[in-house]
Amino acid sequence: MVYLNGDFMPLEQARIPVLDRGFMFGDGVYEVIPAYSRRPFRLSEHLDRLRASLNATGIANPHADAHWSALFQRVIDENAWEDQSLYLQVTRGVAPRDHRFPANTAPTVFIMSSELNGPPAAVRERGAAAITQADFRWMRCDIKSVSLLGNCLLRQAAADADCMETILHRDGFLTEASASNVFVVSDGVVASPPKSNLMLPGITYDVVLEILQANGIRHQVRAVAEAELRTADEIWLTSSTKEVLAVTLLDGRPVGAGRPGPVYARVYALYQAFKENVMRAPAHA
């Protein structure tokens, strides 16, 4: 069961006009929100990021936060899974094909859900494989845009190499991965690039930084040289669906000892505890 422009319907009945600017130009933004035990996780932070993407693209926000929350909960309630991955897309709407923004066009709003499945247990246990490539995408990666062809090409490069991710570097420095933020660990110190226009401001990225700070784990938010990836003791990927995942093979070479490291093990356990505490807390009205 999905939501499209005011109506709830089975997914196979959802239709949009071919002149929707999301279809014509990729002119829209999206969010992916995990829901655990049928409760959205870090919803206010996801709505803040949605608002930032809408503002950056000049698309009117069609709903107040309370209405978004009600829509999400209805979609969750209409689907069978206890843990879900909510996908929200807002495009500029339907208009004659023209690169200029149309005036007075109602945004297209679409919400669907799928079962939330993290990485397989075997991958979680042994760690993931990744490759590296130059980051050739545009300069506004901080916008969660549906224009994801660059990310798709990079993710496909990983798939062709039988890897989970492509980790990206630009001008000699780490940016992010095709669908993840990236952390590195050297000599027990965790480092990750600061937020900028060259990376998506990840919700899980923020949670990991909060965990590191709250538990006295040494960490730095700073520019991370590409060369540091090659010598890191540990590399992690973070995202709403991966949560925190160790990379143990990079460009065909072992990372550190070639297995998930001790800092990762501690942070992953702390992340699970953090998540459970948040989801046990009383829901806000």
C-alpha atoms as a PDB file:
ATOM      1  CA  MET A   1       0.000   0.000   0.000  1.00  0.00           C
ATOM      2  CA  VAL A   2       1.428   3.366  -1.072  1.00  0.00           C
ATOM      3  CA  TYR A   3       0.476   7.031  -0.949  1.00  0.00           C
ATOM      4  CA  LEU A   4       0.302   9.197  -4.071  1.00  0.00           C
ATOM      5  CA  ASN A   5      -1.010  12.765  -4.145  1.00  0.00           C
ATOM      6  CA  GLY A   6      -3.671  12.394  -1.494  1.00  0.00           C
ATOM      7  CA  ASP A   7      -4.708   8.786  -2.066  1.00  0.00           C
ATOM      8  CA  PHE A   8      -3.694   5.419  -0.643  1.00  0.00           C
ATOM      9  CA  MET A   9      -3.626   2.519  -3.108  1.00  0.00           C
ATOM     10  CA  PRO A  10      -1.827  -0.716  -3.979  1.00  0.00           C
ATOM     11  CA  LEU A  11       1.586  -0.083  -5.508  1.00  0.00           C
ATOM     12  CA  GLU A  12       0.601  -1.578  -8.866  1.00  0.00           C
ATOM     13  CA  GLN A  13      -2.181   1.026  -9.219  1.00  0.00           C
ATOM     14  CA  ALA A  14       0.068   4.060  -8.658  1.00  0.00           C
ATOM     15  CA  ARG A  15       0.561   6.158 -11.806  1.00  0.00           C
ATOM     16  CA  ILE A  16       2.117   9.526 -12.635  1.00  0.00           C
ATOM     17  CA  PRO A  17       1.853  11.538 -15.886  1.00  0.00           C
ATOM     18  CA  VAL A  18       4.821  11.296 -18.232  1.00  0.00           C
ATOM     19  CA  LEU A  19       5.233  15.088 -17.991  1.00  0.00           C
ATOM     20  CA  ASP A  20       6.031  14.889 -14.295  1.00  0.00           C
ATOM     21  CA  ARG A  21       9.331  16.742 -13.898  1.00  0.00           C
ATOM     22  CA  GLY A  22      10.687  13.961 -11.754  1.00  0.00           C
ATOM     23  CA  PHE A  23      10.368  11.676 -14.775  1.00  0.00           C
ATOM     24  CA  MET A  24      11.513  14.268 -17.326  1.00  0.00           C
ATOM     25  CA  PHE A  25      14.407  15.897 -15.455  1.00  0.00           C
ATOM     26  CA  GLY A  26      14.976  14.068 -12.186  1.00  0.00           C
ATOM     27  CA  ASP A  27      13.614  17.316 -10.712  1.00  0.00           C
ATOM     28  CA  GLY A  28      12.793  16.182  -7.215  1.00  0.00           C
ATOM     29  CA  VAL A  29      14.121  15.090  -3.842  1.00  0.00           C
ATOM     30  CA  TYR A  30      13.658  12.036  -1.652  1.00  0.00           C
ATOM     31  CA  GLU A  31      14.160  10.572   1.798  1.00  0.00           C
ATOM     32  CA  VAL A  32      14.615   7.034   3.117  1.00  0.00           C
ATOM     33  CA  ILE A  33      13.440   6.580   6.700  1.00  0.00           C
ATOM     34  CA  PRO A  34      13.870   3.351   8.672  1.00  0.00           C
ATOM     35  CA  ALA A  35      11.003   2.265  10.895  1.00  0.00           C
ATOM     36  CA  TYR A  36      11.713  -0.221  13.679  1.00  0.00           C
ATOM     37  CA  SER A  37       8.780  -2.027  15.300  1.00  0.00           C
ATOM     38  CA  ARG A  38       6.534   0.234  13.193  1.00  0.00           C
ATOM     39  CA  ARG A  39       8.019   3.497  14.523  1.00  0.00           C
ATOM     40  CA  PRO A  40      10.037   5.841  12.292  1.00  0.00           C
ATOM     41  CA  PHE A  41      13.598   6.321  13.522  1.00  0.00           C
ATOM     42  CA  ARG A  42      14.943   9.892  13.897  1.00  0.00           C
ATOM     43  CA  LEU A  43      11.930  11.250  12.045  1.00  0.00           C
ATOM     44  CA  SER A  44      12.493  14.908  12.936  1.00  0.00           C
ATOM     45  CA  GLU A  45      16.055  14.711  11.590  1.00  0.00           C
ATOM     46  CA  HIS A  46      14.842  13.161   8.341  1.00  0.00           C
ATOM     47  CA  LEU A  47      12.196  15.865   7.999  1.00  0.00           C
ATOM     48  CA  ASP A  48      14.847  18.527   8.619  1.00  0.00           C
ATOM     49  CA  ARG A  49      16.943  17.060   5.798  1.00  0.00           C
ATOM     50  CA  LEU A  50      13.904  16.861   3.528  1.00  0.00           C
ATOM     51  CA  ARG A  51      13.194  20.529   4.237  1.00  0.00           C
ATOM     52  CA  ALA A  52      16.796  21.442   3.426  1.00  0.00           C
ATOM     53  CA  SER A  53      16.646  19.579   0.105  1.00  0.00           C
ATOM     54  CA  LEU A  54      13.311  21.201  -0.797  1.00  0.00           C
ATOM     55  CA  ASN A  55      14.618  24.656   0.076  1.00  0.00           C
ATOM     56  CA  ALA A  56      17.800  24.116  -1.934  1.00  0.00           C
ATOM     57  CA  THR A  57      15.811  23.117  -5.022  1.00  0.00           C
ATOM     58  CA  GLY A  58      13.043  25.680  -4.641  1.00  0.00           C
ATOM     59  CA  ILE A  59      10.289  23.065  -4.329  1.00  0.00           C
ATOM     60  CA  ALA A  60       7.479  24.039  -1.983  1.00  0.00           C
ATOM     61  CA  ASN A  61       7.140  21.774   1.039  1.00  0.00           C
ATOM     62  CA  PRO A  62       3.639  20.346   0.560  1.00  0.00           C
ATOM     63  CA  HIS A  63       3.033  19.389   4.201  1.00  0.00           C
ATOM     64  CA  ALA A  64       3.741  20.413   7.767  1.00  0.00           C
ATOM     65  CA  ASP A  65       5.737  17.976   9.875  1.00  0.00           C
ATOM     66  CA  ALA A  66       2.663  16.694  11.719  1.00  0.00           C
ATOM     67  CA  HIS A  67       0.959  15.811   8.440  1.00  0.00           C
ATOM     68  CA  TRP A  68       4.086  14.079   7.116  1.00  0.00           C
ATOM     69  CA  SER A  69       4.218  12.060  10.328  1.00  0.00           C
ATOM     70  CA  ALA A  70       0.588  11.004   9.958  1.00  0.00           C
ATOM     71  CA  LEU A  71       1.128   9.967   6.327  1.00  0.00           C
ATOM     72  CA  PHE A  72       4.180   7.909   7.211  1.00  0.00           C
ATOM     73  CA  GLN A  73       2.368   6.166  10.039  1.00  0.00           C
ATOM     74  CA  ARG A  74      -0.586   5.346   7.777  1.00  0.00           C
ATOM     75  CA  VAL A  75       1.737   3.790   5.185  1.00  0.00           C
ATOM     76  CA  ILE A  76       3.504   1.819   7.923  1.00  0.00           C
ATOM     77  CA  ASP A  77       0.185   0.630   9.322  1.00  0.00           C
ATOM     78  CA  GLU A  78      -1.051  -0.447   5.880  1.00  0.00           C
ATOM     79  CA  ASN A  79       1.971  -2.707   5.285  1.00  0.00           C
ATOM     80  CA  ALA A  80       2.805  -6.023   6.893  1.00  0.00           C
ATOM     81  CA  TRP A  81       6.422  -5.740   8.018  1.00  0.00           C
ATOM     82  CA  GLU A  82       7.445  -4.884  11.576  1.00  0.00           C
ATOM     83  CA  ASP A  83      10.646  -3.196  10.369  1.00  0.00           C
ATOM     84  CA  GLN A  84      10.198  -1.070   7.273  1.00  0.00           C
ATOM     85  CA  SER A  85      12.098   1.231   4.956  1.00  0.00           C
ATOM     86  CA  LEU A  86       9.975   4.234   4.025  1.00  0.00           C
ATOM     87  CA  TYR A  87      10.705   5.900   0.697  1.00  0.00           C
ATOM     88  CA  LEU A  88       9.405   9.436   0.169  1.00  0.00           C
ATOM     89  CA  GLN A  89       9.726  11.352  -3.106  1.00  0.00           C
ATOM     90  CA  VAL A  90       8.636  14.907  -3.834  1.00  0.00           C
ATOM     91  CA  THR A  91       8.971  16.244  -7.382  1.00  0.00           C
ATOM     92  CA  ARG A  92       8.241  19.722  -8.715  1.00  0.00           C
ATOM     93  CA  GLY A  93       5.116  18.325 -10.351  1.00  0.00           C
ATOM     94  CA  VAL A  94       3.571  18.088 -13.796  1.00  0.00           C
ATOM     95  CA  ALA A  95       4.191  20.807 -16.399  1.00  0.00           C
ATOM     96  CA  PRO A  96       4.999  21.198 -20.114  1.00  0.00           C
ATOM     97  CA  ARG A  97       8.591  20.164 -20.750  1.00  0.00           C
ATOM     98  CA  ASP A  98      10.804  23.214 -20.214  1.00  0.00           C
ATOM     99  CA  HIS A  99      14.042  23.507 -18.267  1.00  0.00           C
ATOM    100  CA  ARG A 100      12.714  26.606 -16.483  1.00  0.00           C
ATOM    101  CA  PHE A 101      10.720  26.063 -13.321  1.00  0.00           C
ATOM    102  CA  PRO A 102       6.969  26.221 -13.961  1.00  0.00           C
ATOM    103  CA  ALA A 103       4.819  28.605 -11.945  1.00  0.00           C
ATOM    104  CA  ASN A 104       2.064  27.433  -9.617  1.00  0.00           C
ATOM    105  CA  THR A 105       2.643  23.717 -10.101  1.00  0.00           C
ATOM    106  CA  ALA A 106       1.571  21.349  -7.322  1.00  0.00           C
ATOM    107  CA  PRO A 107       4.362  19.005  -6.187  1.00  0.00           C
ATOM    108  CA  THR A 108       3.966  15.273  -6.751  1.00  0.00           C
ATOM    109  CA  VAL A 109       4.189  13.386  -3.439  1.00  0.00           C
ATOM    110  CA  PHE A 110       4.804   9.633  -3.309  1.00  0.00           C
ATOM    111  CA  ILE A 111       5.422   7.395  -0.278  1.00  0.00           C
ATOM    112  CA  MET A 112       6.004   3.659  -0.322  1.00  0.00           C
ATOM    113  CA  SER A 113       7.382   1.092   2.080  1.00  0.00           C
ATOM    114  CA  SER A 114       9.400  -2.085   1.800  1.00  0.00           C
ATOM    115  CA  GLU A 115      10.697  -4.571   4.302  1.00  0.00           C
ATOM    116  CA  LEU A 116      13.793  -3.274   6.069  1.00  0.00           C
ATOM    117  CA  ASN A 117      16.553  -5.821   5.587  1.00  0.00           C
ATOM    118  CA  GLY A 118      20.076  -4.897   6.587  1.00  0.00           C
ATOM    119  CA  PRO A 119      23.208  -6.569   5.270  1.00  0.00           C
ATOM    120  CA  PRO A 120      23.142 -10.387   5.466  1.00  0.00           C
ATOM    121  CA  ALA A 121      24.478 -11.866   8.696  1.00  0.00           C
ATOM    122  CA  ALA A 122      27.463 -13.373   6.856  1.00  0.00           C
ATOM    123  CA  VAL A 123      28.467  -9.950   5.508  1.00  0.00           C
ATOM    124  CA  ARG A 124      27.981  -8.397   8.926  1.00  0.00           C
ATOM    125  CA  GLU A 125      30.265 -11.059  10.427  1.00  0.00           C
ATOM    126  CA  ARG A 126      33.085 -10.969   7.861  1.00  0.00           C
ATOM    127  CA  GLY A 127      32.743  -7.377   6.652  1.00  0.00           C
ATOM    128  CA  ALA A 128      32.023  -5.980   3.219  1.00  0.00           C
ATOM    129  CA  ALA A 129      34.170  -5.519   0.129  1.00  0.00           C
ATOM    130  CA  ALA A 130      34.464  -2.120  -1.553  1.00  0.00           C
ATOM    131  CA  ILE A 131      36.310  -0.437  -4.385  1.00  0.00           C
ATOM    132  CA  THR A 132      37.435   3.166  -4.782  1.00  0.00           C
ATOM    133  CA  GLN A 133      36.817   5.587  -7.616  1.00  0.00           C
ATOM    134  CA  ALA A 134      37.136   9.293  -8.313  1.00  0.00           C
ATOM    135  CA  ASP A 135      33.995  11.199  -7.358  1.00  0.00           C
ATOM    136  CA  PHE A 136      32.757  12.561 -10.688  1.00  0.00           C
ATOM    137  CA  ARG A 137      29.301  13.656  -9.468  1.00  0.00           C
ATOM    138  CA  TRP A 138      27.967  17.213  -9.379  1.00  0.00           C
ATOM    139  CA  MET A 139      28.895  19.761  -6.694  1.00  0.00           C
ATOM    140  CA  ARG A 140      25.643  19.640  -4.694  1.00  0.00           C
ATOM    141  CA  CYS A 141      25.775  16.154  -3.222  1.00  0.00           C
ATOM    142  CA  ASP A 142      24.292  17.611  -0.017  1.00  0.00           C
ATOM    143  CA  ILE A 143      20.904  17.727  -1.789  1.00  0.00           C
ATOM    144  CA  LYS A 144      19.126  14.373  -1.587  1.00  0.00           C
ATOM    145  CA  SER A 145      18.118  14.595  -5.226  1.00  0.00           C
ATOM    146  CA  VAL A 146      16.374  11.886  -7.244  1.00  0.00           C
ATOM    147  CA  SER A 147      18.915  12.673 -10.008  1.00  0.00           C
ATOM    148  CA  LEU A 148      21.057   9.684  -9.028  1.00  0.00           C
ATOM    149  CA  LEU A 149      22.604   8.548 -12.315  1.00  0.00           C
ATOM    150  CA  GLY A 150      26.139   9.223 -11.045  1.00  0.00           C
ATOM    151  CA  ASN A 151      25.482   7.245  -7.872  1.00  0.00           C
ATOM    152  CA  CYS A 152      23.928   4.427  -9.912  1.00  0.00           C
ATOM    153  CA  LEU A 153      26.984   4.206 -12.178  1.00  0.00           C
ATOM    154  CA  LEU A 154      29.267   4.094  -9.147  1.00  0.00           C
ATOM    155  CA  ARG A 155      27.139   1.517  -7.341  1.00  0.00           C
ATOM    156  CA  GLN A 156      27.068  -0.613 -10.487  1.00  0.00           C
ATOM    157  CA  ALA A 157      30.858  -0.448 -10.666  1.00  0.00           C
ATOM    158  CA  ALA A 158      30.901  -1.995  -7.183  1.00  0.00           C
ATOM    159  CA  ALA A 159      28.393  -4.660  -8.205  1.00  0.00           C
ATOM    160  CA  ASP A 160      30.456  -5.515 -11.296  1.00  0.00           C
ATOM    161  CA  ALA A 161      33.441  -6.022  -8.987  1.00  0.00           C
ATOM    162  CA  ASP A 162      31.341  -8.212  -6.645  1.00  0.00           C
ATOM    163  CA  CYS A 163      31.564  -5.536  -3.962  1.00  0.00           C
ATOM    164  CA  MET A 164      28.988  -3.789  -1.806  1.00  0.00           C
ATOM    165  CA  GLU A 165      30.117  -0.188  -2.249  1.00  0.00           C
ATOM    166  CA  THR A 166      32.250   2.288  -4.157  1.00  0.00           C
ATOM    167  CA  ILE A 167      34.106   4.653  -1.845  1.00  0.00           C
ATOM    168  CA  LEU A 168      34.742   8.046  -3.444  1.00  0.00           C
ATOM    169  CA  HIS A 169      37.583  10.529  -3.416  1.00  0.00           C
ATOM    170  CA  ARG A 170      37.830  13.980  -4.949  1.00  0.00           C
ATOM    171  CA  ASP A 171      41.056  15.977  -5.331  1.00  0.00           C
ATOM    172  CA  GLY A 172      42.886  13.554  -3.053  1.00  0.00           C
ATOM    173  CA  PHE A 173      40.330  13.507  -0.228  1.00  0.00           C
ATOM    174  CA  LEU A 174      37.571  11.154   0.876  1.00  0.00           C
ATOM    175  CA  THR A 175      34.018  12.356   0.238  1.00  0.00           C
ATOM    176  CA  GLU A 176      31.561   9.486   0.819  1.00  0.00           C
ATOM    177  CA  ALA A 177      30.420   6.301  -0.941  1.00  0.00           C
ATOM    178  CA  SER A 178      27.811   5.799  -3.640  1.00  0.00           C
ATOM    179  CA  ALA A 179      25.059   5.289  -1.030  1.00  0.00           C
ATOM    180  CA  SER A 180      26.823   5.617   2.340  1.00  0.00           C
ATOM    181  CA  ASN A 181      28.923   7.866   4.505  1.00  0.00           C
ATOM    182  CA  VAL A 182      32.419   6.627   5.373  1.00  0.00           C
ATOM    183  CA  PHE A 183      34.498   6.526   8.574  1.00  0.00           C
ATOM    184  CA  VAL A 184      38.123   5.418   8.934  1.00  0.00           C
ATOM    185  CA  VAL A 185      39.996   4.277  12.042  1.00  0.00           C
ATOM    186  CA  SER A 186      43.754   4.619  12.482  1.00  0.00           C
ATOM    187  CA  ASP A 187      45.566   3.921  15.765  1.00  0.00           C
ATOM    188  CA  GLY A 188      42.235   3.845  17.586  1.00  0.00           C
ATOM    189  CA  VAL A 189      41.112   7.274  16.365  1.00  0.00           C
ATOM    190  CA  VAL A 190      37.948   7.496  14.243  1.00  0.00           C
ATOM    191  CA  ALA A 191      37.854  10.104  11.474  1.00  0.00           C
ATOM    192  CA  SER A 192      35.247  11.191   8.954  1.00  0.00           C
ATOM    193  CA  PRO A 193      34.939  14.137   6.553  1.00  0.00           C
ATOM    194  CA  PRO A 194      32.945  17.164   7.718  1.00  0.00           C
ATOM    195  CA  LYS A 195      29.603  17.943   6.136  1.00  0.00           C
ATOM    196  CA  SER A 196      29.900  19.956   2.948  1.00  0.00           C
ATOM    197  CA  ASN A 197      28.315  20.317  -0.472  1.00  0.00           C
ATOM    198  CA  LEU A 198      30.344  17.255  -1.549  1.00  0.00           C
ATOM    199  CA  MET A 199      28.540  14.720   0.630  1.00  0.00           C
ATOM    200  CA  LEU A 200      25.062  13.904   1.852  1.00  0.00           C
ATOM    201  CA  PRO A 201      24.537  14.851   5.512  1.00  0.00           C
ATOM    202  CA  GLY A 202      23.747  11.358   6.758  1.00  0.00           C
ATOM    203  CA  ILE A 203      21.355  10.763   9.643  1.00  0.00           C
ATOM    204  CA  THR A 204      23.286   7.632  10.670  1.00  0.00           C
ATOM    205  CA  TYR A 205      26.528   9.621  10.325  1.00  0.00           C
ATOM    206  CA  ASP A 206      25.158  11.989  12.971  1.00  0.00           C
ATOM    207  CA  VAL A 207      24.124   9.131  15.253  1.00  0.00           C
ATOM    208  CA  VAL A 208      27.601   7.585  15.055  1.00  0.00           C
ATOM    209  CA  LEU A 209      29.232  10.910  15.927  1.00  0.00           C
ATOM    210  CA  GLU A 210      26.878  11.261  18.905  1.00  0.00           C
ATOM    211  CA  ILE A 211      27.816   7.757  20.054  1.00  0.00           C
ATOM    212  CA  LEU A 212      31.530   8.456  19.736  1.00  0.00           C
ATOM    213  CA  GLN A 213      31.181  11.678  21.722  1.00  0.00           C
ATOM    214  CA  ALA A 214      28.967  10.181  24.433  1.00  0.00           C
ATOM    215  CA  ASN A 215      31.289   7.214  25.002  1.00  0.00           C
ATOM    216  CA  GLY A 216      34.621   9.002  24.977  1.00  0.00           C
ATOM    217  CA  ILE A 217      35.828   7.286  21.793  1.00  0.00           C
ATOM    218  CA  ARG A 218      38.541   9.379  20.198  1.00  0.00           C
ATOM    219  CA  HIS A 219      37.347  10.857  16.946  1.00  0.00           C
ATOM    220  CA  GLN A 220      37.956  13.694  14.528  1.00  0.00           C
ATOM    221  CA  VAL A 221      35.745  15.383  11.964  1.00  0.00           C
ATOM    222  CA  ARG A 222      38.253  16.593   9.403  1.00  0.00           C
ATOM    223  CA  ALA A 223      39.429  16.237   5.840  1.00  0.00           C
ATOM    224  CA  VAL A 224      40.505  12.626   5.307  1.00  0.00           C
ATOM    225  CA  ALA A 225      43.176  12.080   2.669  1.00  0.00           C
ATOM    226  CA  GLU A 226      42.582   9.382   0.084  1.00  0.00           C
ATOM    227  CA  ALA A 227      45.894   7.841   1.166  1.00  0.00           C
ATOM    228  CA  GLU A 228      44.473   7.263   4.660  1.00  0.00           C
ATOM    229  CA  LEU A 229      41.969   4.816   3.194  1.00  0.00           C
ATOM    230  CA  ARG A 230      44.856   2.640   2.024  1.00  0.00           C
ATOM    231  CA  THR A 231      46.487   2.461   5.464  1.00  0.00           C
ATOM    232  CA  ALA A 232      43.423   2.539   7.756  1.00  0.00           C
ATOM    233  CA  ASP A 233      43.044  -0.119  10.443  1.00  0.00           C
ATOM    234  CA  GLU A 234      39.265  -0.058   9.963  1.00  0.00           C
ATOM    235  CA  ILE A 235      36.789   1.417   7.475  1.00  0.00           C
ATOM    236  CA  TRP A 236      33.057   1.708   8.121  1.00  0.00           C
ATOM    237  CA  LEU A 237      30.046   2.473   5.959  1.00  0.00           C
ATOM    238  CA  THR A 238      27.010   4.127   7.536  1.00  0.00           C
ATOM    239  CA  SER A 239      23.486   4.571   6.179  1.00  0.00           C
ATOM    240  CA  SER A 240      19.871   4.108   7.229  1.00  0.00           C
ATOM    241  CA  THR A 241      19.764   0.583   5.780  1.00  0.00           C
ATOM    242  CA  LYS A 242      23.357  -0.532   6.482  1.00  0.00           C
ATOM    243  CA  GLU A 243      23.420   1.109   9.935  1.00  0.00           C
ATOM    244  CA  VAL A 244      27.177   0.673  10.644  1.00  0.00           C
ATOM    245  CA  LEU A 245      29.045  -1.864   8.517  1.00  0.00           C
ATOM    246  CA  ALA A 246      32.750  -2.725   8.429  1.00  0.00           C
ATOM    247  CA  VAL A 247      34.668  -2.776   5.145  1.00  0.00           C
ATOM    248  CA  THR A 248      37.335  -5.470   5.326  1.00  0.00           C
ATOM    249  CA  LEU A 249      38.453  -5.619   1.683  1.00  0.00           C
ATOM    250  CA  LEU A 250      39.266  -2.478  -0.309  1.00  0.00           C
ATOM    251  CA  ASP A 251      40.314  -2.663  -3.950  1.00  0.00           C
ATOM    252  CA  GLY A 252      41.098  -6.344  -3.413  1.00  0.00           C
ATOM    253  CA  ARG A 253      43.363  -5.760  -0.400  1.00  0.00           C
ATOM    254  CA  PRO A 254      42.560  -6.494   3.266  1.00  0.00           C
ATOM    255  CA  VAL A 255      41.700  -3.570   5.514  1.00  0.00           C
ATOM    256  CA  GLY A 256      43.687  -3.935   8.719  1.00  0.00           C
ATOM    257  CA  ALA A 257      43.548  -7.584   9.780  1.00  0.00           C
ATOM    258  CA  GLY A 258      40.944  -8.343   7.106  1.00  0.00           C
ATOM    259  CA  ARG A 259      38.072  -8.718   9.566  1.00  0.00           C
ATOM    260  CA  PRO A 260      35.810  -6.280  11.468  1.00  0.00           C
ATOM    261  CA  GLY A 261      37.944  -4.462  14.002  1.00  0.00           C
ATOM    262  CA  PRO A 262      37.519  -3.851  17.728  1.00  0.00           C
ATOM    263  CA  VAL A 263      36.436  -0.205  17.441  1.00  0.00           C
ATOM    264  CA  TYR A 264      33.767  -1.203  14.925  1.00  0.00           C
ATOM    265  CA  ALA A 265      32.539  -4.006  17.203  1.00  0.00           C
ATOM    266  CA  ARG A 266      32.138  -1.586  20.097  1.00  0.00           C
ATOM    267  CA  VAL A 267      30.434   1.117  18.043  1.00  0.00           C
ATOM    268  CA  TYR A 268      28.071  -1.331  16.348  1.00  0.00           C
ATOM    269  CA  ALA A 269      26.962  -2.648  19.753  1.00  0.00           C
ATOM    270  CA  LEU A 270      26.529   0.907  21.033  1.00  0.00           C
ATOM    271  CA  TYR A 271      24.512   1.783  17.936  1.00  0.00           C
ATOM    272  CA  GLN A 272      22.118  -1.110  18.553  1.00  0.00           C
ATOM    273  CA  ALA A 273      21.700  -0.054  22.183  1.00  0.00           C
ATOM    274  CA  PHE A 274      21.144   3.564  21.135  1.00  0.00           C
ATOM    275  CA  LYS A 275      18.520   2.520  18.603  1.00  0.00           C
ATOM    276  CA  GLU A 276      16.657   0.360  21.120  1.00  0.00           C
ATOM    277  CA  ASN A 277      16.653   3.149  23.722  1.00  0.00           C
ATOM    278  CA  VAL A 278      15.267   5.627  21.206  1.00  0.00           C
ATOM    279  CA  MET A 279      12.545   3.259  20.056  1.00  0.00           C
ATOM    280  CA  ARG A 280      11.536   2.439  23.632  1.00  0.00           C
ATOM    281  CA  ALA A 281      11.095   6.115  24.470  1.00  0.00           C
ATOM    282  CA  PRO A 282       7.511   7.456  24.515  1.00  0.00           C
ATOM    283  CA  ALA A 283       6.364   8.642  21.098  1.00  0.00           C
ATOM    284  CA  HIS A 284       5.899  12.404  20.721  1.00  0.00           C
ATOM    285  CA  ALA A 285       2.386  13.620  20.113  1.00  0.00           C
END
